[in-house]
Amino acid sequence: MRTQNWYRGEVAPKQQHSWTLADRQKIYTMRVKQNLPINDILDLLGVGITRIKLFNQIRISRAVFARKCFRCRKPVHSRRPLGSLLACKQCKQKLSEYKKEMRRKYLKRGICGVCWERKVVPGFTACRKCISIAHRRRYIKGICGKCGKHSIYKSSVALCLNCLKSNKKYSQLYRARLREKVHG
């Protein structure tokens, strides 16, 4: 019996185009102000963008530049700069509930709850790449790369005093177990 490739788990990873503010402005001016047809816009933007994705981005960019919620089109009052995605309170709540639910589903399957692509590192809720990104972001802010709660200790490169102590304790236990195995 022949099965679909998605059923066998042979689906290639999604190649998603991340839309920037400049892309949205370009789409908005081409479609709304210049009134260009969709096929011409697709030709100008290049390969990798489908008609449906372009229609969705046009819908979103119209809402963004009209200062409306990009999901339900209700007016949104915000101090954020023009061109940023805006959502009303109800839609924000629905989006956060959806993200929490998806994170739980992926974590149950052993897949990273942040990127939804790679396997989770044992003892964590994210993959190795997402963990390193979070550590780097914390390091730039000047807070502990491990816990993210306290500032970096003066004699350390990226950890607070509490994490340094716990690392020292665990490394001593690890060395003791190694000594027992070798000399034991």
C-alpha atoms as a PDB file:
ATOM      1  CA  MET A   1       0.000   0.000   0.000  1.00  0.00           C
ATOM      2  CA  ARG A   2       1.371   3.367  -0.979  1.00  0.00           C
ATOM      3  CA  THR A   3       1.206   6.107   1.685  1.00  0.00           C
ATOM      4  CA  GLN A   4       1.764   9.833   1.553  1.00  0.00           C
ATOM      5  CA  ASN A   5       5.232  11.085   2.507  1.00  0.00           C
ATOM      6  CA  TRP A   6       3.827  13.192   5.370  1.00  0.00           C
ATOM      7  CA  TYR A   7       2.289  10.005   6.834  1.00  0.00           C
ATOM      8  CA  ARG A   8       5.659   8.228   6.842  1.00  0.00           C
ATOM      9  CA  GLY A   9       7.361  11.193   8.503  1.00  0.00           C
ATOM     10  CA  GLU A  10       9.412  12.136   5.448  1.00  0.00           C
ATOM     11  CA  VAL A  11       8.271  15.718   5.200  1.00  0.00           C
ATOM     12  CA  ALA A  12      10.992  18.233   4.432  1.00  0.00           C
ATOM     13  CA  PRO A  13      11.359  21.064   6.968  1.00  0.00           C
ATOM     14  CA  LYS A  14       9.297  24.146   6.196  1.00  0.00           C
ATOM     15  CA  GLN A  15      11.102  27.003   4.511  1.00  0.00           C
ATOM     16  CA  GLN A  16       9.408  30.079   5.925  1.00  0.00           C
ATOM     17  CA  HIS A  17       9.977  33.582   4.652  1.00  0.00           C
ATOM     18  CA  SER A  18      10.219  36.034   7.527  1.00  0.00           C
ATOM     19  CA  TRP A  19       8.448  39.220   6.539  1.00  0.00           C
ATOM     20  CA  THR A  20      10.138  42.438   7.571  1.00  0.00           C
ATOM     21  CA  LEU A  21       8.611  45.876   7.899  1.00  0.00           C
ATOM     22  CA  ALA A  22      10.258  46.885   4.608  1.00  0.00           C
ATOM     23  CA  ASP A  23       8.662  43.866   2.875  1.00  0.00           C
ATOM     24  CA  ARG A  24       5.243  44.792   4.237  1.00  0.00           C
ATOM     25  CA  GLN A  25       5.657  48.410   3.148  1.00  0.00           C
ATOM     26  CA  LYS A  26       6.699  47.281  -0.328  1.00  0.00           C
ATOM     27  CA  ILE A  27       3.695  44.946  -0.615  1.00  0.00           C
ATOM     28  CA  TYR A  28       1.355  47.644   0.716  1.00  0.00           C
ATOM     29  CA  THR A  29       2.535  50.246  -1.784  1.00  0.00           C
ATOM     30  CA  MET A  30       2.487  47.818  -4.709  1.00  0.00           C
ATOM     31  CA  ARG A  31      -0.962  46.379  -4.036  1.00  0.00           C
ATOM     32  CA  VAL A  32      -2.906  49.180  -2.311  1.00  0.00           C
ATOM     33  CA  LYS A  33      -1.348  52.391  -3.648  1.00  0.00           C
ATOM     34  CA  GLN A  34      -0.128  51.312  -7.104  1.00  0.00           C
ATOM     35  CA  ASN A  35      -2.894  48.706  -7.555  1.00  0.00           C
ATOM     36  CA  LEU A  36      -0.583  46.119  -9.181  1.00  0.00           C
ATOM     37  CA  PRO A  37      -1.971  42.638  -9.931  1.00  0.00           C
ATOM     38  CA  ILE A  38      -0.901  39.723  -7.717  1.00  0.00           C
ATOM     39  CA  ASN A  39       1.077  37.997 -10.489  1.00  0.00           C
ATOM     40  CA  ASP A  40       3.218  41.107 -11.050  1.00  0.00           C
ATOM     41  CA  ILE A  41       3.921  41.386  -7.322  1.00  0.00           C
ATOM     42  CA  LEU A  42       4.895  37.694  -7.200  1.00  0.00           C
ATOM     43  CA  ASP A  43       7.315  38.261 -10.106  1.00  0.00           C
ATOM     44  CA  LEU A  44       8.866  41.276  -8.389  1.00  0.00           C
ATOM     45  CA  LEU A  45       9.255  39.578  -4.983  1.00  0.00           C
ATOM     46  CA  GLY A  46      10.907  36.431  -6.321  1.00  0.00           C
ATOM     47  CA  VAL A  47      10.766  32.708  -5.775  1.00  0.00           C
ATOM     48  CA  GLY A  48       9.516  30.921  -2.674  1.00  0.00           C
ATOM     49  CA  ILE A  49       6.357  32.928  -2.051  1.00  0.00           C
ATOM     50  CA  THR A  50       3.030  31.383  -2.973  1.00  0.00           C
ATOM     51  CA  ARG A  51      -0.124  33.236  -3.952  1.00  0.00           C
ATOM     52  CA  ILE A  52      -1.843  32.334  -0.684  1.00  0.00           C
ATOM     53  CA  LYS A  53       1.077  33.601   1.419  1.00  0.00           C
ATOM     54  CA  LEU A  54       1.085  36.835  -0.549  1.00  0.00           C
ATOM     55  CA  PHE A  55      -2.690  37.289  -0.097  1.00  0.00           C
ATOM     56  CA  ASN A  56      -2.262  36.767   3.657  1.00  0.00           C
ATOM     57  CA  GLN A  57       0.573  39.286   3.812  1.00  0.00           C
ATOM     58  CA  ILE A  58      -1.471  41.850   1.857  1.00  0.00           C
ATOM     59  CA  ARG A  59      -4.363  41.361   4.287  1.00  0.00           C
ATOM     60  CA  ILE A  60      -2.012  41.722   7.262  1.00  0.00           C
ATOM     61  CA  SER A  61      -0.203  44.760   5.835  1.00  0.00           C
ATOM     62  CA  ARG A  62      -3.508  46.536   5.137  1.00  0.00           C
ATOM     63  CA  ALA A  63      -4.500  46.026   8.762  1.00  0.00           C
ATOM     64  CA  VAL A  64      -1.057  47.029  10.060  1.00  0.00           C
ATOM     65  CA  PHE A  65      -0.950  50.349   8.210  1.00  0.00           C
ATOM     66  CA  ALA A  66      -4.568  51.120   9.150  1.00  0.00           C
ATOM     67  CA  ARG A  67      -3.729  50.503  12.864  1.00  0.00           C
ATOM     68  CA  LYS A  68      -6.173  47.606  13.133  1.00  0.00           C
ATOM     69  CA  CYS A  69      -5.875  44.127  14.640  1.00  0.00           C
ATOM     70  CA  PHE A  70      -4.319  41.871  12.027  1.00  0.00           C
ATOM     71  CA  ARG A  71      -6.730  39.022  12.875  1.00  0.00           C
ATOM     72  CA  CYS A  72     -10.171  40.538  13.489  1.00  0.00           C
ATOM     73  CA  ARG A  73      -9.701  44.073  12.034  1.00  0.00           C
ATOM     74  CA  LYS A  74     -10.869  45.909  15.174  1.00  0.00           C
ATOM     75  CA  PRO A  75      -9.181  49.301  15.733  1.00  0.00           C
ATOM     76  CA  VAL A  76      -6.221  49.074  18.110  1.00  0.00           C
ATOM     77  CA  HIS A  77      -4.837  52.010  20.095  1.00  0.00           C
ATOM     78  CA  SER A  78      -1.135  51.483  20.627  1.00  0.00           C
ATOM     79  CA  ARG A  79       2.031  53.534  21.035  1.00  0.00           C
ATOM     80  CA  ARG A  80       4.024  51.078  18.943  1.00  0.00           C
ATOM     81  CA  PRO A  81       5.462  52.500  15.701  1.00  0.00           C
ATOM     82  CA  LEU A  82       3.460  52.356  12.489  1.00  0.00           C
ATOM     83  CA  GLY A  83       4.043  49.105  10.627  1.00  0.00           C
ATOM     84  CA  SER A  84       4.331  46.786  13.629  1.00  0.00           C
ATOM     85  CA  LEU A  85       1.850  43.940  14.043  1.00  0.00           C
ATOM     86  CA  LEU A  86      -0.981  44.926  16.336  1.00  0.00           C
ATOM     87  CA  ALA A  87      -3.569  42.688  17.956  1.00  0.00           C
ATOM     88  CA  CYS A  88      -6.556  43.419  20.176  1.00  0.00           C
ATOM     89  CA  LYS A  89      -6.757  41.954  23.684  1.00  0.00           C
ATOM     90  CA  GLN A  90      -9.007  39.054  22.693  1.00  0.00           C
ATOM     91  CA  CYS A  91      -6.784  38.036  19.773  1.00  0.00           C
ATOM     92  CA  LYS A  92      -3.631  38.350  21.912  1.00  0.00           C
ATOM     93  CA  GLN A  93      -5.212  36.035  24.465  1.00  0.00           C
ATOM     94  CA  LYS A  94      -6.201  33.507  21.765  1.00  0.00           C
ATOM     95  CA  LEU A  95      -2.703  33.619  20.265  1.00  0.00           C
ATOM     96  CA  SER A  96      -1.000  33.067  23.620  1.00  0.00           C
ATOM     97  CA  GLU A  97      -3.339  30.151  24.434  1.00  0.00           C
ATOM     98  CA  TYR A  98      -2.616  28.621  21.005  1.00  0.00           C
ATOM     99  CA  LYS A  99       1.149  28.982  21.498  1.00  0.00           C
ATOM    100  CA  LYS A 100       0.960  27.414  24.982  1.00  0.00           C
ATOM    101  CA  GLU A 101      -1.094  24.507  23.669  1.00  0.00           C
ATOM    102  CA  MET A 102       1.281  23.906  20.743  1.00  0.00           C
ATOM    103  CA  ARG A 103       4.303  24.111  23.058  1.00  0.00           C
ATOM    104  CA  ARG A 104       2.750  21.465  25.334  1.00  0.00           C
ATOM    105  CA  LYS A 105       1.949  19.192  22.365  1.00  0.00           C
ATOM    106  CA  TYR A 106       5.459  19.413  20.946  1.00  0.00           C
ATOM    107  CA  LEU A 107       7.096  18.907  24.344  1.00  0.00           C
ATOM    108  CA  LYS A 108       5.023  15.749  24.870  1.00  0.00           C
ATOM    109  CA  ARG A 109       6.471  14.413  21.608  1.00  0.00           C
ATOM    110  CA  GLY A 110      10.015  15.348  22.672  1.00  0.00           C
ATOM    111  CA  ILE A 111      10.354  18.229  20.196  1.00  0.00           C
ATOM    112  CA  CYS A 112      11.616  21.712  21.104  1.00  0.00           C
ATOM    113  CA  GLY A 113       8.813  23.984  22.315  1.00  0.00           C
ATOM    114  CA  VAL A 114      10.531  27.100  20.938  1.00  0.00           C
ATOM    115  CA  CYS A 115      11.409  26.294  17.311  1.00  0.00           C
ATOM    116  CA  TRP A 116       9.158  23.185  16.928  1.00  0.00           C
ATOM    117  CA  GLU A 117      11.838  21.476  14.808  1.00  0.00           C
ATOM    118  CA  ARG A 118      14.634  19.723  16.740  1.00  0.00           C
ATOM    119  CA  LYS A 119      14.705  17.218  19.606  1.00  0.00           C
ATOM    120  CA  VAL A 120      14.716  18.459  23.208  1.00  0.00           C
ATOM    121  CA  VAL A 121      17.901  18.298  25.280  1.00  0.00           C
ATOM    122  CA  PRO A 122      17.296  15.942  28.250  1.00  0.00           C
ATOM    123  CA  GLY A 123      16.428  17.972  31.353  1.00  0.00           C
ATOM    124  CA  PHE A 124      15.424  21.077  29.357  1.00  0.00           C
ATOM    125  CA  THR A 125      12.370  22.202  27.406  1.00  0.00           C
ATOM    126  CA  ALA A 126      14.286  23.362  24.341  1.00  0.00           C
ATOM    127  CA  CYS A 127      16.799  22.100  21.792  1.00  0.00           C
ATOM    128  CA  ARG A 128      20.527  22.837  21.975  1.00  0.00           C
ATOM    129  CA  LYS A 129      20.337  25.685  19.431  1.00  0.00           C
ATOM    130  CA  CYS A 130      17.457  27.497  21.171  1.00  0.00           C
ATOM    131  CA  ILE A 131      19.182  27.128  24.538  1.00  0.00           C
ATOM    132  CA  SER A 132      22.382  28.684  23.171  1.00  0.00           C
ATOM    133  CA  ILE A 133      20.392  31.558  21.628  1.00  0.00           C
ATOM    134  CA  ALA A 134      18.728  32.233  24.994  1.00  0.00           C
ATOM    135  CA  HIS A 135      22.091  32.100  26.792  1.00  0.00           C
ATOM    136  CA  ARG A 136      23.609  34.537  24.288  1.00  0.00           C
ATOM    137  CA  ARG A 137      20.661  36.939  24.656  1.00  0.00           C
ATOM    138  CA  ARG A 138      20.995  36.851  28.447  1.00  0.00           C
ATOM    139  CA  TYR A 139      24.757  37.371  28.280  1.00  0.00           C
ATOM    140  CA  ILE A 140      24.296  40.509  26.161  1.00  0.00           C
ATOM    141  CA  LYS A 141      21.786  41.860  28.707  1.00  0.00           C
ATOM    142  CA  GLY A 142      24.275  41.183  31.532  1.00  0.00           C
ATOM    143  CA  ILE A 143      22.242  38.553  33.369  1.00  0.00           C
ATOM    144  CA  CYS A 144      23.107  34.941  34.164  1.00  0.00           C
ATOM    145  CA  GLY A 145      23.102  32.677  31.123  1.00  0.00           C
ATOM    146  CA  LYS A 146      21.843  29.670  33.076  1.00  0.00           C
ATOM    147  CA  CYS A 147      19.023  30.931  35.303  1.00  0.00           C
ATOM    148  CA  GLY A 148      18.367  34.356  33.766  1.00  0.00           C
ATOM    149  CA  LYS A 149      17.486  35.838  37.160  1.00  0.00           C
ATOM    150  CA  HIS A 150      20.614  37.443  38.636  1.00  0.00           C
ATOM    151  CA  SER A 151      23.393  39.619  37.247  1.00  0.00           C
ATOM    152  CA  ILE A 152      26.676  38.043  36.169  1.00  0.00           C
ATOM    153  CA  TYR A 153      29.171  37.569  39.022  1.00  0.00           C
ATOM    154  CA  LYS A 154      32.301  39.745  38.761  1.00  0.00           C
ATOM    155  CA  SER A 155      34.784  36.824  38.471  1.00  0.00           C
ATOM    156  CA  SER A 156      32.602  34.870  36.018  1.00  0.00           C
ATOM    157  CA  VAL A 157      32.104  35.202  32.295  1.00  0.00           C
ATOM    158  CA  ALA A 158      28.392  34.363  32.052  1.00  0.00           C
ATOM    159  CA  LEU A 159      27.018  32.991  35.362  1.00  0.00           C
ATOM    160  CA  CYS A 160      25.690  34.390  38.643  1.00  0.00           C
ATOM    161  CA  LEU A 161      27.098  33.368  42.022  1.00  0.00           C
ATOM    162  CA  ASN A 162      24.311  30.822  42.719  1.00  0.00           C
ATOM    163  CA  CYS A 163      24.824  29.040  39.385  1.00  0.00           C
ATOM    164  CA  LEU A 164      28.594  29.068  39.858  1.00  0.00           C
ATOM    165  CA  LYS A 165      28.156  27.336  43.232  1.00  0.00           C
ATOM    166  CA  SER A 166      25.760  24.740  41.824  1.00  0.00           C
ATOM    167  CA  ASN A 167      28.081  24.075  38.865  1.00  0.00           C
ATOM    168  CA  LYS A 168      30.989  23.619  41.256  1.00  0.00           C
ATOM    169  CA  LYS A 169      28.958  21.198  43.392  1.00  0.00           C
ATOM    170  CA  TYR A 170      27.838  19.110  40.396  1.00  0.00           C
ATOM    171  CA  SER A 171      31.300  19.048  38.837  1.00  0.00           C
ATOM    172  CA  GLN A 172      32.754  17.811  42.153  1.00  0.00           C
ATOM    173  CA  LEU A 173      30.129  15.034  42.280  1.00  0.00           C
ATOM    174  CA  TYR A 174      30.867  14.123  38.663  1.00  0.00           C
ATOM    175  CA  ARG A 175      34.617  13.938  39.303  1.00  0.00           C
ATOM    176  CA  ALA A 176      34.016  11.809  42.415  1.00  0.00           C
ATOM    177  CA  ARG A 177      31.923   9.333  40.372  1.00  0.00           C
ATOM    178  CA  LEU A 178      34.636   9.180  37.724  1.00  0.00           C
ATOM    179  CA  ARG A 179      37.271   8.473  40.397  1.00  0.00           C
ATOM    180  CA  GLU A 180      35.114   5.663  41.798  1.00  0.00           C
ATOM    181  CA  LYS A 181      34.785   4.080  38.349  1.00  0.00           C
ATOM    182  CA  VAL A 182      38.502   4.326  37.581  1.00  0.00           C
ATOM    183  CA  HIS A 183      39.940   3.538  41.015  1.00  0.00           C
ATOM    184  CA  GLY A 184      36.899   1.894  42.488  1.00  0.00           C
END
